[in-house]
N, C-alpha and C. Protein backbone atom coordinates (compact mmCIF):
# COMPACT_ATOMS: atom_id res chain seq x y z
N MET A 1 105.09 150.08 -101.14
CA MET A 1 103.66 149.83 -101.11
C MET A 1 102.97 150.92 -100.30
N ASP A 2 101.85 151.41 -100.78
CA ASP A 2 101.06 152.40 -100.07
C ASP A 2 100.40 151.74 -98.87
N ARG A 3 100.80 152.14 -97.68
CA ARG A 3 100.31 151.53 -96.45
C ARG A 3 98.79 151.65 -96.32
N THR A 4 98.19 152.70 -96.88
CA THR A 4 96.75 152.89 -96.76
C THR A 4 95.96 151.95 -97.66
N LYS A 5 96.63 151.20 -98.51
CA LYS A 5 95.95 150.24 -99.38
C LYS A 5 96.13 148.81 -98.90
N ALA A 6 96.93 148.62 -97.85
CA ALA A 6 97.20 147.27 -97.35
C ALA A 6 95.93 146.61 -96.84
N VAL A 7 95.63 145.44 -97.37
CA VAL A 7 94.47 144.66 -96.95
C VAL A 7 94.96 143.24 -96.72
N ARG A 8 94.55 142.66 -95.59
CA ARG A 8 94.98 141.29 -95.34
C ARG A 8 93.86 140.52 -94.64
N PRO A 9 93.76 139.25 -94.98
CA PRO A 9 92.75 138.42 -94.32
C PRO A 9 93.16 138.12 -92.88
N THR A 10 92.17 137.96 -92.03
CA THR A 10 92.40 137.50 -90.65
C THR A 10 91.50 136.28 -90.44
N SER A 11 91.62 135.67 -89.29
CA SER A 11 90.78 134.49 -89.02
C SER A 11 89.30 134.85 -88.89
N ASP A 12 89.01 136.12 -88.59
CA ASP A 12 87.62 136.54 -88.37
C ASP A 12 87.12 137.58 -89.36
N GLY A 13 87.89 137.90 -90.39
CA GLY A 13 87.45 138.92 -91.33
C GLY A 13 88.61 139.46 -92.14
N VAL A 14 88.67 140.80 -92.21
CA VAL A 14 89.69 141.46 -93.02
C VAL A 14 90.23 142.67 -92.24
N ALA A 15 91.54 142.81 -92.24
CA ALA A 15 92.19 143.98 -91.66
C ALA A 15 92.65 144.88 -92.80
N PHE A 16 92.53 146.19 -92.59
CA PHE A 16 92.96 147.15 -93.60
C PHE A 16 93.30 148.45 -92.91
N ILE A 17 93.82 149.38 -93.66
CA ILE A 17 94.26 150.66 -93.13
C ILE A 17 93.60 151.76 -93.95
N VAL A 18 93.16 152.82 -93.27
CA VAL A 18 92.61 153.97 -93.98
C VAL A 18 93.29 155.24 -93.50
N LYS A 19 93.26 156.23 -94.36
CA LYS A 19 93.75 157.56 -94.00
C LYS A 19 92.54 158.48 -93.95
N ALA A 20 92.42 159.20 -92.84
CA ALA A 20 91.35 160.18 -92.67
C ALA A 20 92.00 161.45 -92.17
N GLY A 21 92.07 162.44 -93.03
CA GLY A 21 92.78 163.66 -92.68
C GLY A 21 94.25 163.34 -92.55
N GLU A 22 94.84 163.69 -91.43
CA GLU A 22 96.25 163.42 -91.18
C GLU A 22 96.47 162.08 -90.48
N SER A 23 95.39 161.41 -90.13
CA SER A 23 95.46 160.18 -89.35
C SER A 23 95.43 158.94 -90.25
N VAL A 24 96.28 157.98 -89.92
CA VAL A 24 96.28 156.67 -90.58
C VAL A 24 95.86 155.67 -89.52
N ARG A 25 94.78 154.94 -89.79
CA ARG A 25 94.21 154.07 -88.75
C ARG A 25 94.09 152.63 -89.22
N ASP A 26 94.31 151.72 -88.28
CA ASP A 26 94.06 150.31 -88.52
C ASP A 26 92.56 150.07 -88.42
N CYS A 27 92.04 149.23 -89.30
CA CYS A 27 90.62 148.91 -89.31
C CYS A 27 90.44 147.40 -89.44
N PHE A 28 89.30 146.95 -88.97
CA PHE A 28 88.96 145.54 -89.07
C PHE A 28 87.49 145.44 -89.44
N MET A 29 87.18 144.60 -90.40
CA MET A 29 85.80 144.33 -90.79
C MET A 29 85.55 142.85 -90.57
N SER A 30 84.58 142.56 -89.74
CA SER A 30 84.29 141.17 -89.40
C SER A 30 83.72 140.42 -90.60
N ARG A 31 83.87 139.13 -90.56
CA ARG A 31 83.30 138.26 -91.60
C ARG A 31 81.78 138.48 -91.67
N GLU A 32 81.15 138.65 -90.52
CA GLU A 32 79.70 138.87 -90.47
C GLU A 32 79.32 140.19 -91.14
N ALA A 33 80.13 141.23 -90.93
CA ALA A 33 79.87 142.53 -91.57
C ALA A 33 80.03 142.43 -93.09
N ILE A 34 81.05 141.69 -93.52
CA ILE A 34 81.26 141.49 -94.96
C ILE A 34 80.07 140.75 -95.56
N ASN A 35 79.60 139.70 -94.88
CA ASN A 35 78.45 138.95 -95.37
C ASN A 35 77.18 139.80 -95.38
N THR A 36 77.01 140.63 -94.36
CA THR A 36 75.84 141.53 -94.30
C THR A 36 75.85 142.47 -95.50
N LEU A 37 76.98 143.10 -95.76
CA LEU A 37 77.06 144.04 -96.88
C LEU A 37 76.88 143.33 -98.21
N SER A 38 77.45 142.15 -98.36
CA SER A 38 77.28 141.45 -99.64
C SER A 38 75.81 141.11 -99.88
N ARG A 39 75.08 140.73 -98.81
CA ARG A 39 73.64 140.46 -98.97
C ARG A 39 72.88 141.73 -99.33
N LEU A 40 73.20 142.83 -98.65
CA LEU A 40 72.52 144.10 -98.94
C LEU A 40 72.80 144.59 -100.36
N LYS A 41 73.96 144.27 -100.87
CA LYS A 41 74.34 144.66 -102.24
C LYS A 41 73.95 143.60 -103.27
N ASN A 42 73.25 142.55 -102.82
CA ASN A 42 72.82 141.46 -103.70
C ASN A 42 73.99 140.77 -104.40
N ILE A 43 75.05 140.55 -103.65
CA ILE A 43 76.22 139.85 -104.16
C ILE A 43 76.24 138.47 -103.53
N ASP A 44 76.28 137.46 -104.37
CA ASP A 44 76.33 136.09 -103.87
C ASP A 44 77.76 135.78 -103.48
N GLY A 45 78.00 135.74 -102.18
CA GLY A 45 79.34 135.47 -101.70
C GLY A 45 79.50 134.09 -101.11
N SER A 46 78.58 133.20 -101.44
CA SER A 46 78.59 131.87 -100.82
C SER A 46 79.86 131.07 -101.11
N ASP A 47 80.49 131.31 -102.25
CA ASP A 47 81.71 130.57 -102.60
C ASP A 47 82.97 131.42 -102.46
N ALA A 48 82.83 132.64 -101.93
CA ALA A 48 83.96 133.57 -101.90
C ALA A 48 84.58 133.66 -100.51
N GLU A 49 85.85 133.91 -100.49
CA GLU A 49 86.57 134.18 -99.24
C GLU A 49 86.27 135.63 -98.84
N PRO A 50 86.33 135.94 -97.55
CA PRO A 50 86.08 137.32 -97.10
C PRO A 50 86.95 138.36 -97.81
N ILE A 51 88.21 138.04 -98.06
CA ILE A 51 89.10 138.99 -98.72
C ILE A 51 88.62 139.30 -100.14
N GLU A 52 88.08 138.29 -100.83
CA GLU A 52 87.56 138.50 -102.18
C GLU A 52 86.33 139.40 -102.14
N LEU A 53 85.44 139.15 -101.20
CA LEU A 53 84.26 139.99 -101.06
C LEU A 53 84.64 141.41 -100.67
N PHE A 54 85.60 141.54 -99.76
CA PHE A 54 86.04 142.87 -99.34
C PHE A 54 86.53 143.67 -100.54
N THR A 55 87.28 143.04 -101.41
CA THR A 55 87.80 143.73 -102.59
C THR A 55 86.67 144.31 -103.44
N VAL A 56 85.61 143.55 -103.59
CA VAL A 56 84.45 144.02 -104.36
C VAL A 56 83.72 145.14 -103.61
N LEU A 57 83.64 145.01 -102.30
CA LEU A 57 82.86 145.95 -101.48
C LEU A 57 83.68 147.15 -100.99
N GLU A 58 84.95 147.14 -101.26
CA GLU A 58 85.85 148.17 -100.75
C GLU A 58 85.42 149.61 -101.06
N PRO A 59 84.86 149.91 -102.23
CA PRO A 59 84.44 151.30 -102.48
C PRO A 59 83.35 151.79 -101.50
N PHE A 60 82.60 150.90 -100.92
CA PHE A 60 81.61 151.26 -99.90
C PHE A 60 82.26 151.30 -98.52
N VAL A 61 83.15 150.36 -98.26
CA VAL A 61 83.72 150.17 -96.92
C VAL A 61 84.70 151.28 -96.55
N ARG A 62 85.58 151.65 -97.44
CA ARG A 62 86.61 152.66 -97.10
C ARG A 62 86.01 154.00 -96.67
N PRO A 63 85.04 154.55 -97.39
CA PRO A 63 84.46 155.81 -96.92
C PRO A 63 83.77 155.67 -95.55
N LEU A 64 83.16 154.52 -95.31
CA LEU A 64 82.55 154.27 -94.01
C LEU A 64 83.62 154.27 -92.91
N ALA A 65 84.72 153.58 -93.15
CA ALA A 65 85.80 153.53 -92.17
C ALA A 65 86.42 154.92 -91.96
N GLN A 66 86.59 155.67 -93.03
CA GLN A 66 87.14 157.03 -92.91
C GLN A 66 86.22 157.92 -92.09
N SER A 67 84.93 157.80 -92.32
CA SER A 67 83.96 158.57 -91.56
C SER A 67 84.03 158.21 -90.07
N ARG A 68 84.12 156.94 -89.79
CA ARG A 68 84.23 156.49 -88.39
C ARG A 68 85.51 157.04 -87.75
N CYS A 69 86.61 157.06 -88.50
CA CYS A 69 87.87 157.59 -87.97
C CYS A 69 87.72 159.06 -87.59
N ILE A 70 87.10 159.81 -88.44
CA ILE A 70 86.92 161.24 -88.18
C ILE A 70 86.01 161.45 -86.98
N ARG A 71 84.92 160.68 -86.90
CA ARG A 71 83.97 160.83 -85.79
C ARG A 71 84.56 160.44 -84.45
N THR A 72 85.35 159.37 -84.42
CA THR A 72 85.87 158.91 -83.13
C THR A 72 87.00 159.78 -82.62
N GLY A 73 87.83 160.27 -83.51
CA GLY A 73 88.89 161.18 -83.12
C GLY A 73 89.97 160.57 -82.24
N THR A 74 90.01 159.27 -82.10
CA THR A 74 91.06 158.63 -81.31
C THR A 74 91.96 157.83 -82.24
N ASP A 75 93.01 157.28 -81.67
CA ASP A 75 93.93 156.47 -82.47
C ASP A 75 93.64 154.98 -82.39
N SER A 76 92.57 154.61 -81.71
CA SER A 76 92.26 153.19 -81.56
C SER A 76 91.75 152.62 -82.88
N PRO A 77 91.93 151.32 -83.07
CA PRO A 77 91.47 150.68 -84.31
C PRO A 77 89.95 150.81 -84.49
N ILE A 78 89.54 150.84 -85.73
CA ILE A 78 88.12 150.91 -86.08
C ILE A 78 87.65 149.48 -86.37
N HIS A 79 86.56 149.07 -85.72
CA HIS A 79 85.96 147.76 -85.96
C HIS A 79 84.61 147.98 -86.63
N ILE A 80 84.46 147.45 -87.85
CA ILE A 80 83.20 147.60 -88.58
C ILE A 80 82.38 146.34 -88.37
N THR A 81 81.18 146.54 -87.83
CA THR A 81 80.29 145.44 -87.48
C THR A 81 79.12 145.36 -88.44
N PRO A 82 78.34 144.29 -88.36
CA PRO A 82 77.13 144.21 -89.19
C PRO A 82 76.17 145.37 -88.91
N GLU A 83 76.11 145.82 -87.66
CA GLU A 83 75.24 146.94 -87.31
C GLU A 83 75.70 148.23 -87.98
N ASP A 84 77.02 148.44 -88.05
CA ASP A 84 77.56 149.61 -88.75
C ASP A 84 77.16 149.59 -90.22
N ILE A 85 77.26 148.42 -90.82
CA ILE A 85 76.92 148.27 -92.23
C ILE A 85 75.44 148.56 -92.45
N SER A 86 74.59 147.97 -91.63
CA SER A 86 73.14 148.18 -91.78
C SER A 86 72.78 149.66 -91.62
N SER A 87 73.37 150.32 -90.63
CA SER A 87 73.08 151.74 -90.41
C SER A 87 73.54 152.59 -91.59
N ALA A 88 74.75 152.34 -92.06
CA ALA A 88 75.27 153.12 -93.18
C ALA A 88 74.47 152.85 -94.45
N PHE A 89 74.07 151.63 -94.65
CA PHE A 89 73.34 151.25 -95.87
C PHE A 89 71.97 151.92 -95.87
N GLU A 90 71.32 152.01 -94.72
CA GLU A 90 70.01 152.65 -94.63
C GLU A 90 70.08 154.12 -94.97
N MET A 91 71.22 154.75 -94.74
CA MET A 91 71.37 156.18 -94.98
C MET A 91 71.65 156.51 -96.45
N MET A 92 71.97 155.48 -97.23
CA MET A 92 72.29 155.70 -98.64
C MET A 92 71.01 155.90 -99.46
N PRO A 93 71.06 156.80 -100.45
CA PRO A 93 69.92 156.92 -101.36
C PRO A 93 69.69 155.59 -102.08
N SER A 94 68.46 155.22 -102.28
CA SER A 94 68.14 153.91 -102.86
C SER A 94 68.72 153.71 -104.25
N GLN A 95 68.88 154.75 -105.03
CA GLN A 95 69.40 154.57 -106.39
C GLN A 95 70.88 154.25 -106.39
N VAL A 96 71.60 154.48 -105.29
CA VAL A 96 73.02 154.20 -105.23
C VAL A 96 73.28 152.74 -104.94
N THR A 97 72.37 152.07 -104.24
CA THR A 97 72.57 150.69 -103.83
C THR A 97 72.53 149.80 -105.02
């Protein structure tokens, strides 16, 4: 199994792994961040588990996590919060959303 594709549910969200350059980093996205992104993307996640929503939102989340890995430059885990999602979403061109 490709370790960089491993995604697993946690009690508070979703844990996953990303590769940024030569670095492979553990990441965590809170349930609140997943809900924030699903609302911003107009996805009704009221009946979905966080892992299901993450799977749909993953194409947006992984590049965000990779960018954070490169910016931080440390080996510590990346925690994606609702604030991270809101900031990243505001920077996107409106036609992409």
